[in-house]
């Protein structure tokens, strides 16, 4: 029997160099043990610096991207910028996902929409996390917006650490193993989970399992959560070994 191939669409900031590597890395790893195949398709929104003003301007372009990906009839669509959604105000992922889905309906090919912001919250809730510590590349005011957003969803942020990098290309140039050391700047006492990268541009995939094994508690990233939500929307098994508790297949 021919294996089903799913088209994965991503709405990506123009300066993002990570989501088109980390999402495929996880799903291609899944192909080694599961029958489904995946292809990857992107549309880009202009953004160079991670500031509230640029993020809000960029978000206005997300509808065009959704329509372009809808023309390709992708099976699921991910909005790959967590802080853009969270900087628009509490609960905005629900508004964005609804609006972008409506555009795909109007275009004649209704498509599930996953935002990395919503996926992070949903992933934490799926694991029952009540208290977390988070690592971000953002300037401190943007990190505070992320903290406020997560706490508005009923999850306590025990501690946060900001790398304070505003240039998005510089964020993407960070070493994927760096978070395996940087997490030690966080107070993880009593937390249920560590958000090792609350940013889909900051590379972290190689660090997830390392830190989870060291801490003995679940570790998640925005990219891992987005992959999890995409698989859930496609009604596929979520087990991808080596990328932390959320992708263990238990949820």
C-alpha atoms as a PDB file:
ATOM      1  CA  UNK A   1       0.000   0.000   0.000  1.00  0.00           C
ATOM      2  CA  UNK A   2       1.291   3.448  -0.908  1.00  0.00           C
ATOM      3  CA  UNK A   3       2.391   5.500   2.088  1.00  0.00           C
ATOM      4  CA  UNK A   4       0.407   8.677   2.699  1.00  0.00           C
ATOM      5  CA  UNK A   5       2.403  11.892   2.221  1.00  0.00           C
ATOM      6  CA  UNK A   6       1.384  14.947   4.269  1.00  0.00           C
ATOM      7  CA  UNK A   7       2.202  18.509   3.240  1.00  0.00           C
ATOM      8  CA  UNK A   8       3.448  20.606   6.149  1.00  0.00           C
ATOM      9  CA  UNK A   9       3.006  24.354   5.680  1.00  0.00           C
ATOM     10  CA  UNK A  10       4.775  27.016   7.722  1.00  0.00           C
ATOM     11  CA  UNK A  11       4.210  30.763   7.964  1.00  0.00           C
ATOM     12  CA  UNK A  12       7.728  31.943   8.741  1.00  0.00           C
ATOM     13  CA  UNK A  13       9.352  35.306   9.559  1.00  0.00           C
ATOM     14  CA  UNK A  14      11.638  36.275   6.678  1.00  0.00           C
ATOM     15  CA  UNK A  15      14.709  36.175   8.917  1.00  0.00           C
ATOM     16  CA  UNK A  16      13.853  32.823  10.501  1.00  0.00           C
ATOM     17  CA  UNK A  17      16.411  30.143   9.669  1.00  0.00           C
ATOM     18  CA  UNK A  18      15.447  27.514  12.249  1.00  0.00           C
ATOM     19  CA  UNK A  19      11.856  26.295  11.869  1.00  0.00           C
ATOM     20  CA  UNK A  20      12.515  24.990   8.367  1.00  0.00           C
ATOM     21  CA  UNK A  21      15.271  22.828   9.861  1.00  0.00           C
ATOM     22  CA  UNK A  22      13.904  21.749  13.281  1.00  0.00           C
ATOM     23  CA  UNK A  23      10.356  20.810  12.243  1.00  0.00           C
ATOM     24  CA  UNK A  24      11.606  18.699   9.296  1.00  0.00           C
ATOM     25  CA  UNK A  25      14.304  17.147  11.504  1.00  0.00           C
ATOM     26  CA  UNK A  26      11.676  15.824  13.898  1.00  0.00           C
ATOM     27  CA  UNK A  27       9.210  14.668  11.267  1.00  0.00           C
ATOM     28  CA  UNK A  28      11.911  13.048   9.127  1.00  0.00           C
ATOM     29  CA  UNK A  29      13.123  11.227  12.246  1.00  0.00           C
ATOM     30  CA  UNK A  30       9.556   9.996  12.707  1.00  0.00           C
ATOM     31  CA  UNK A  31       9.615   8.564   9.172  1.00  0.00           C
ATOM     32  CA  UNK A  32      12.259   6.068  10.305  1.00  0.00           C
ATOM     33  CA  UNK A  33       9.708   4.199  12.430  1.00  0.00           C
ATOM     34  CA  UNK A  34       6.272   5.328  11.170  1.00  0.00           C
ATOM     35  CA  UNK A  35       4.650   4.851   7.740  1.00  0.00           C
ATOM     36  CA  UNK A  36       3.695   8.467   6.986  1.00  0.00           C
ATOM     37  CA  UNK A  37       5.845  10.741   4.807  1.00  0.00           C
ATOM     38  CA  UNK A  38       6.084  14.541   4.865  1.00  0.00           C
ATOM     39  CA  UNK A  39       6.971  17.375   2.515  1.00  0.00           C
ATOM     40  CA  UNK A  40       7.644  20.933   3.707  1.00  0.00           C
ATOM     41  CA  UNK A  41       6.403  24.250   2.315  1.00  0.00           C
ATOM     42  CA  UNK A  42       6.824  27.828   3.571  1.00  0.00           C
ATOM     43  CA  UNK A  43       5.641  31.365   3.011  1.00  0.00           C
ATOM     44  CA  UNK A  44       7.494  34.291   4.583  1.00  0.00           C
ATOM     45  CA  UNK A  45       6.561  37.531   6.395  1.00  0.00           C
ATOM     46  CA  UNK A  46       9.086  40.386   6.564  1.00  0.00           C
ATOM     47  CA  UNK A  47      10.838  40.809   9.932  1.00  0.00           C
ATOM     48  CA  UNK A  48      14.492  41.474  10.848  1.00  0.00           C
ATOM     49  CA  UNK A  49      14.528  42.638  14.458  1.00  0.00           C
ATOM     50  CA  UNK A  50      12.533  41.142  17.294  1.00  0.00           C
ATOM     51  CA  UNK A  51      10.783  44.270  18.530  1.00  0.00           C
ATOM     52  CA  UNK A  52       7.126  44.712  19.394  1.00  0.00           C
ATOM     53  CA  UNK A  53       6.677  47.141  16.506  1.00  0.00           C
ATOM     54  CA  UNK A  54       8.216  44.866  13.859  1.00  0.00           C
ATOM     55  CA  UNK A  55       6.348  41.846  15.206  1.00  0.00           C
ATOM     56  CA  UNK A  56       2.975  43.593  15.009  1.00  0.00           C
ATOM     57  CA  UNK A  57       3.687  44.812  11.479  1.00  0.00           C
ATOM     58  CA  UNK A  58       4.757  41.314  10.466  1.00  0.00           C
ATOM     59  CA  UNK A  59       1.595  39.731  11.856  1.00  0.00           C
ATOM     60  CA  UNK A  60      -0.476  41.802   9.424  1.00  0.00           C
ATOM     61  CA  UNK A  61       1.144  39.801   6.612  1.00  0.00           C
ATOM     62  CA  UNK A  62       0.187  36.396   7.984  1.00  0.00           C
ATOM     63  CA  UNK A  63      -3.064  36.268   6.033  1.00  0.00           C
ATOM     64  CA  UNK A  64      -1.264  36.525   2.702  1.00  0.00           C
ATOM     65  CA  UNK A  65       1.015  33.678   3.767  1.00  0.00           C
ATOM     66  CA  UNK A  66      -1.929  31.519   4.785  1.00  0.00           C
ATOM     67  CA  UNK A  67      -3.551  32.013   1.393  1.00  0.00           C
ATOM     68  CA  UNK A  68      -0.328  31.142  -0.441  1.00  0.00           C
ATOM     69  CA  UNK A  69       0.043  27.914   1.541  1.00  0.00           C
ATOM     70  CA  UNK A  70      -3.637  27.147   1.074  1.00  0.00           C
ATOM     71  CA  UNK A  71      -3.079  27.332  -2.690  1.00  0.00           C
ATOM     72  CA  UNK A  72      -0.573  24.482  -2.224  1.00  0.00           C
ATOM     73  CA  UNK A  73      -3.230  22.514  -0.326  1.00  0.00           C
ATOM     74  CA  UNK A  74      -1.058  21.801   2.675  1.00  0.00           C
ATOM     75  CA  UNK A  75      -2.553  19.436   5.239  1.00  0.00           C
ATOM     76  CA  UNK A  76      -1.663  21.539   8.276  1.00  0.00           C
ATOM     77  CA  UNK A  77      -0.283  25.036   8.657  1.00  0.00           C
ATOM     78  CA  UNK A  78       1.999  26.360  11.403  1.00  0.00           C
ATOM     79  CA  UNK A  79       2.424  30.022  12.343  1.00  0.00           C
ATOM     80  CA  UNK A  80       6.104  29.876  13.254  1.00  0.00           C
ATOM     81  CA  UNK A  81       6.678  32.884  15.495  1.00  0.00           C
ATOM     82  CA  UNK A  82       5.731  32.521  19.143  1.00  0.00           C
ATOM     83  CA  UNK A  83       6.525  36.037  20.353  1.00  0.00           C
ATOM     84  CA  UNK A  84       4.687  37.700  17.440  1.00  0.00           C
ATOM     85  CA  UNK A  85       1.468  36.118  18.660  1.00  0.00           C
ATOM     86  CA  UNK A  86       2.151  36.686  22.344  1.00  0.00           C
ATOM     87  CA  UNK A  87       3.073  40.340  21.802  1.00  0.00           C
ATOM     88  CA  UNK A  88      -0.399  40.978  20.361  1.00  0.00           C
ATOM     89  CA  UNK A  89      -2.057  40.389  23.737  1.00  0.00           C
ATOM     90  CA  UNK A  90      -3.267  37.544  25.911  1.00  0.00           C
ATOM     91  CA  UNK A  91      -5.129  34.705  24.160  1.00  0.00           C
ATOM     92  CA  UNK A  92      -4.303  36.111  20.713  1.00  0.00           C
ATOM     93  CA  UNK A  93      -3.328  32.668  19.400  1.00  0.00           C
ATOM     94  CA  UNK A  94      -7.024  31.775  19.422  1.00  0.00           C
ATOM     95  CA  UNK A  95      -7.883  34.857  17.361  1.00  0.00           C
ATOM     96  CA  UNK A  96      -5.048  34.318  14.892  1.00  0.00           C
ATOM     97  CA  UNK A  97      -5.749  30.618  14.394  1.00  0.00           C
ATOM     98  CA  UNK A  98      -9.454  31.308  13.834  1.00  0.00           C
ATOM     99  CA  UNK A  99      -8.813  34.124  11.352  1.00  0.00           C
ATOM    100  CA  UNK A 100      -6.217  32.210   9.340  1.00  0.00           C
ATOM    101  CA  UNK A 101      -8.415  29.111   9.226  1.00  0.00           C
ATOM    102  CA  UNK A 102     -11.294  31.246   7.918  1.00  0.00           C
ATOM    103  CA  UNK A 103      -9.090  32.404   5.044  1.00  0.00           C
ATOM    104  CA  UNK A 104      -8.353  28.796   4.068  1.00  0.00           C
ATOM    105  CA  UNK A 105     -12.073  28.037   4.152  1.00  0.00           C
ATOM    106  CA  UNK A 106     -12.762  30.992   1.861  1.00  0.00           C
ATOM    107  CA  UNK A 107     -10.002  29.753  -0.429  1.00  0.00           C
ATOM    108  CA  UNK A 108     -11.758  26.409  -0.789  1.00  0.00           C
ATOM    109  CA  UNK A 109      -9.359  24.214   1.158  1.00  0.00           C
ATOM    110  CA  UNK A 110     -10.062  24.274   4.930  1.00  0.00           C
ATOM    111  CA  UNK A 111      -6.770  23.735   6.755  1.00  0.00           C
ATOM    112  CA  UNK A 112      -5.976  23.220  10.457  1.00  0.00           C
ATOM    113  CA  UNK A 113      -3.906  26.112  11.840  1.00  0.00           C
ATOM    114  CA  UNK A 114      -1.298  25.625  14.564  1.00  0.00           C
ATOM    115  CA  UNK A 115       0.434  28.626  16.119  1.00  0.00           C
ATOM    116  CA  UNK A 116       3.677  28.018  17.984  1.00  0.00           C
ATOM    117  CA  UNK A 117       2.309  30.214  20.790  1.00  0.00           C
ATOM    118  CA  UNK A 118      -0.836  28.163  21.165  1.00  0.00           C
ATOM    119  CA  UNK A 119       1.102  24.930  20.723  1.00  0.00           C
ATOM    120  CA  UNK A 120       3.445  25.744  23.609  1.00  0.00           C
ATOM    121  CA  UNK A 121       0.536  26.397  25.954  1.00  0.00           C
ATOM    122  CA  UNK A 122      -1.341  23.318  24.745  1.00  0.00           C
ATOM    123  CA  UNK A 123       1.759  21.135  25.045  1.00  0.00           C
ATOM    124  CA  UNK A 124       2.356  22.232  28.631  1.00  0.00           C
ATOM    125  CA  UNK A 125      -1.275  21.584  29.498  1.00  0.00           C
ATOM    126  CA  UNK A 126      -1.192  18.161  27.816  1.00  0.00           C
ATOM    127  CA  UNK A 127       1.611  17.163  30.188  1.00  0.00           C
ATOM    128  CA  UNK A 128      -0.188  18.664  33.176  1.00  0.00           C
ATOM    129  CA  UNK A 129       2.499  21.301  33.820  1.00  0.00           C
ATOM    130  CA  UNK A 130       1.448  23.871  36.427  1.00  0.00           C
ATOM    131  CA  UNK A 131       4.800  25.585  37.080  1.00  0.00           C
ATOM    132  CA  UNK A 132       7.598  26.162  34.548  1.00  0.00           C
ATOM    133  CA  UNK A 133      10.880  28.000  34.036  1.00  0.00           C
ATOM    134  CA  UNK A 134      11.640  29.430  30.599  1.00  0.00           C
ATOM    135  CA  UNK A 135      14.682  30.350  28.521  1.00  0.00           C
ATOM    136  CA  UNK A 136      14.305  32.978  25.787  1.00  0.00           C
ATOM    137  CA  UNK A 137      16.596  34.890  23.395  1.00  0.00           C
ATOM    138  CA  UNK A 138      14.452  38.035  23.713  1.00  0.00           C
ATOM    139  CA  UNK A 139      15.046  41.408  25.257  1.00  0.00           C
ATOM    140  CA  UNK A 140      13.650  41.409  28.796  1.00  0.00           C
ATOM    141  CA  UNK A 141      10.446  43.400  28.008  1.00  0.00           C
ATOM    142  CA  UNK A 142       9.461  40.827  25.360  1.00  0.00           C
ATOM    143  CA  UNK A 143      10.284  37.960  27.715  1.00  0.00           C
ATOM    144  CA  UNK A 144       7.934  39.557  30.233  1.00  0.00           C
ATOM    145  CA  UNK A 145       5.166  39.558  27.603  1.00  0.00           C
ATOM    146  CA  UNK A 146       5.764  35.829  27.124  1.00  0.00           C
ATOM    147  CA  UNK A 147       5.689  35.258  30.892  1.00  0.00           C
ATOM    148  CA  UNK A 148       2.430  37.208  31.205  1.00  0.00           C
ATOM    149  CA  UNK A 149       0.889  35.311  28.302  1.00  0.00           C
ATOM    150  CA  UNK A 150       1.734  31.894  29.737  1.00  0.00           C
ATOM    151  CA  UNK A 151       0.531  32.869  33.198  1.00  0.00           C
ATOM    152  CA  UNK A 152      -2.744  34.146  31.730  1.00  0.00           C
ATOM    153  CA  UNK A 153      -3.247  30.567  30.516  1.00  0.00           C
ATOM    154  CA  UNK A 154      -3.087  29.330  34.112  1.00  0.00           C
ATOM    155  CA  UNK A 155       0.555  28.190  34.189  1.00  0.00           C
ATOM    156  CA  UNK A 156       2.952  29.787  36.697  1.00  0.00           C
ATOM    157  CA  UNK A 157       6.330  30.920  35.383  1.00  0.00           C
ATOM    158  CA  UNK A 158       8.699  30.306  38.273  1.00  0.00           C
ATOM    159  CA  UNK A 159      11.774  31.820  36.596  1.00  0.00           C
ATOM    160  CA  UNK A 160      12.935  33.155  33.223  1.00  0.00           C
ATOM    161  CA  UNK A 161      16.283  33.939  31.641  1.00  0.00           C
ATOM    162  CA  UNK A 162      16.682  36.293  28.652  1.00  0.00           C
ATOM    163  CA  UNK A 163      19.662  36.249  26.287  1.00  0.00           C
ATOM    164  CA  UNK A 164      18.674  39.777  25.145  1.00  0.00           C
ATOM    165  CA  UNK A 165      19.348  39.330  21.413  1.00  0.00           C
ATOM    166  CA  UNK A 166      17.201  41.564  19.206  1.00  0.00           C
ATOM    167  CA  UNK A 167      18.679  40.680  15.787  1.00  0.00           C
ATOM    168  CA  UNK A 168      16.686  37.676  14.588  1.00  0.00           C
ATOM    169  CA  UNK A 169      19.492  36.340  12.393  1.00  0.00           C
ATOM    170  CA  UNK A 170      21.799  36.376  15.394  1.00  0.00           C
ATOM    171  CA  UNK A 171      19.211  34.385  17.345  1.00  0.00           C
ATOM    172  CA  UNK A 172      19.161  31.770  14.596  1.00  0.00           C
ATOM    173  CA  UNK A 173      22.962  31.595  14.560  1.00  0.00           C
ATOM    174  CA  UNK A 174      23.131  30.296  18.146  1.00  0.00           C
ATOM    175  CA  UNK A 175      24.485  26.792  18.753  1.00  0.00           C
ATOM    176  CA  UNK A 176      21.746  24.169  19.135  1.00  0.00           C
ATOM    177  CA  UNK A 177      23.702  22.704  22.054  1.00  0.00           C
ATOM    178  CA  UNK A 178      24.012  26.061  23.856  1.00  0.00           C
ATOM    179  CA  UNK A 179      20.700  25.673  25.753  1.00  0.00           C
ATOM    180  CA  UNK A 180      22.103  22.512  27.371  1.00  0.00           C
ATOM    181  CA  UNK A 181      24.406  24.867  29.303  1.00  0.00           C
ATOM    182  CA  UNK A 182      22.286  28.028  29.410  1.00  0.00           C
ATOM    183  CA  UNK A 183      19.453  26.332  31.295  1.00  0.00           C
ATOM    184  CA  UNK A 184      21.702  26.341  34.363  1.00  0.00           C
ATOM    185  CA  UNK A 185      20.953  30.077  34.654  1.00  0.00           C
ATOM    186  CA  UNK A 186      17.377  29.112  35.517  1.00  0.00           C
ATOM    187  CA  UNK A 187      15.984  28.300  38.933  1.00  0.00           C
ATOM    188  CA  UNK A 188      14.185  25.016  38.273  1.00  0.00           C
ATOM    189  CA  UNK A 189      13.328  24.241  41.898  1.00  0.00           C
ATOM    190  CA  UNK A 190       9.864  22.702  42.092  1.00  0.00           C
ATOM    191  CA  UNK A 191       8.966  23.190  38.422  1.00  0.00           C
ATOM    192  CA  UNK A 192       7.054  20.604  36.398  1.00  0.00           C
ATOM    193  CA  UNK A 193       8.730  21.426  33.099  1.00  0.00           C
ATOM    194  CA  UNK A 194      11.477  23.572  31.576  1.00  0.00           C
ATOM    195  CA  UNK A 195      10.762  25.526  28.393  1.00  0.00           C
ATOM    196  CA  UNK A 196      14.246  25.318  26.919  1.00  0.00           C
ATOM    197  CA  UNK A 197      13.466  27.669  24.035  1.00  0.00           C
ATOM    198  CA  UNK A 198      10.345  29.842  24.137  1.00  0.00           C
ATOM    199  CA  UNK A 199      11.249  30.891  20.598  1.00  0.00           C
ATOM    200  CA  UNK A 200      11.064  28.963  17.339  1.00  0.00           C
ATOM    201  CA  UNK A 201      14.130  30.781  15.971  1.00  0.00           C
ATOM    202  CA  UNK A 202      16.540  29.888  18.794  1.00  0.00           C
ATOM    203  CA  UNK A 203      18.071  26.487  17.923  1.00  0.00           C
ATOM    204  CA  UNK A 204      17.635  23.992  20.739  1.00  0.00           C
ATOM    205  CA  UNK A 205      16.723  20.606  19.301  1.00  0.00           C
ATOM    206  CA  UNK A 206      20.021  18.917  20.152  1.00  0.00           C
ATOM    207  CA  UNK A 207      19.704  20.057  23.771  1.00  0.00           C
ATOM    208  CA  UNK A 208      16.195  18.850  24.620  1.00  0.00           C
ATOM    209  CA  UNK A 209      16.911  15.238  25.544  1.00  0.00           C
ATOM    210  CA  UNK A 210      20.237  16.136  27.195  1.00  0.00           C
ATOM    211  CA  UNK A 211      18.597  18.591  29.596  1.00  0.00           C
ATOM    212  CA  UNK A 212      15.596  16.354  30.235  1.00  0.00           C
ATOM    213  CA  UNK A 213      17.915  13.504  31.180  1.00  0.00           C
ATOM    214  CA  UNK A 214      19.986  15.779  33.449  1.00  0.00           C
ATOM    215  CA  UNK A 215      17.012  17.335  35.251  1.00  0.00           C
ATOM    216  CA  UNK A 216      14.751  14.304  35.361  1.00  0.00           C
ATOM    217  CA  UNK A 217      11.700  16.417  34.471  1.00  0.00           C
ATOM    218  CA  UNK A 218      10.012  17.152  31.126  1.00  0.00           C
ATOM    219  CA  UNK A 219      11.720  19.629  28.793  1.00  0.00           C
ATOM    220  CA  UNK A 220       9.893  21.299  25.936  1.00  0.00           C
ATOM    221  CA  UNK A 221      10.588  23.888  23.231  1.00  0.00           C
ATOM    222  CA  UNK A 222       8.301  25.925  21.014  1.00  0.00           C
ATOM    223  CA  UNK A 223       9.392  23.842  18.015  1.00  0.00           C
ATOM    224  CA  UNK A 224       8.761  20.528  19.798  1.00  0.00           C
ATOM    225  CA  UNK A 225       5.315  21.754  20.864  1.00  0.00           C
ATOM    226  CA  UNK A 226       4.507  22.886  17.318  1.00  0.00           C
ATOM    227  CA  UNK A 227       5.443  19.482  15.923  1.00  0.00           C
ATOM    228  CA  UNK A 228       3.291  17.798  18.561  1.00  0.00           C
ATOM    229  CA  UNK A 229       0.275  19.953  17.714  1.00  0.00           C
ATOM    230  CA  UNK A 230       0.723  19.399  13.973  1.00  0.00           C
ATOM    231  CA  UNK A 231       0.692  15.640  14.494  1.00  0.00           C
ATOM    232  CA  UNK A 232      -2.396  15.913  16.714  1.00  0.00           C
ATOM    233  CA  UNK A 233      -4.218  17.973  14.070  1.00  0.00           C
ATOM    234  CA  UNK A 234      -3.338  15.317  11.481  1.00  0.00           C
ATOM    235  CA  UNK A 235      -4.561  12.555  13.855  1.00  0.00           C
ATOM    236  CA  UNK A 236      -1.144  10.884  13.746  1.00  0.00           C
ATOM    237  CA  UNK A 237       0.891   9.146  16.432  1.00  0.00           C
ATOM    238  CA  UNK A 238       3.011  11.682  18.324  1.00  0.00           C
ATOM    239  CA  UNK A 239       5.911   9.401  19.227  1.00  0.00           C
ATOM    240  CA  UNK A 240       9.314  10.651  18.043  1.00  0.00           C
ATOM    241  CA  UNK A 241      12.087   9.319  20.333  1.00  0.00           C
ATOM    242  CA  UNK A 242      14.889  11.636  21.378  1.00  0.00           C
ATOM    243  CA  UNK A 243      13.027  14.933  21.596  1.00  0.00           C
ATOM    244  CA  UNK A 244      11.617  14.929  25.101  1.00  0.00           C
ATOM    245  CA  UNK A 245       8.565  13.868  27.053  1.00  0.00           C
ATOM    246  CA  UNK A 246       5.926  15.586  24.900  1.00  0.00           C
ATOM    247  CA  UNK A 247       6.936  13.485  21.894  1.00  0.00           C
ATOM    248  CA  UNK A 248       7.156  10.255  23.902  1.00  0.00           C
ATOM    249  CA  UNK A 249       3.812   9.100  22.490  1.00  0.00           C
ATOM    250  CA  UNK A 250       2.076   9.292  25.900  1.00  0.00           C
ATOM    251  CA  UNK A 251       0.062  12.395  25.007  1.00  0.00           C
END
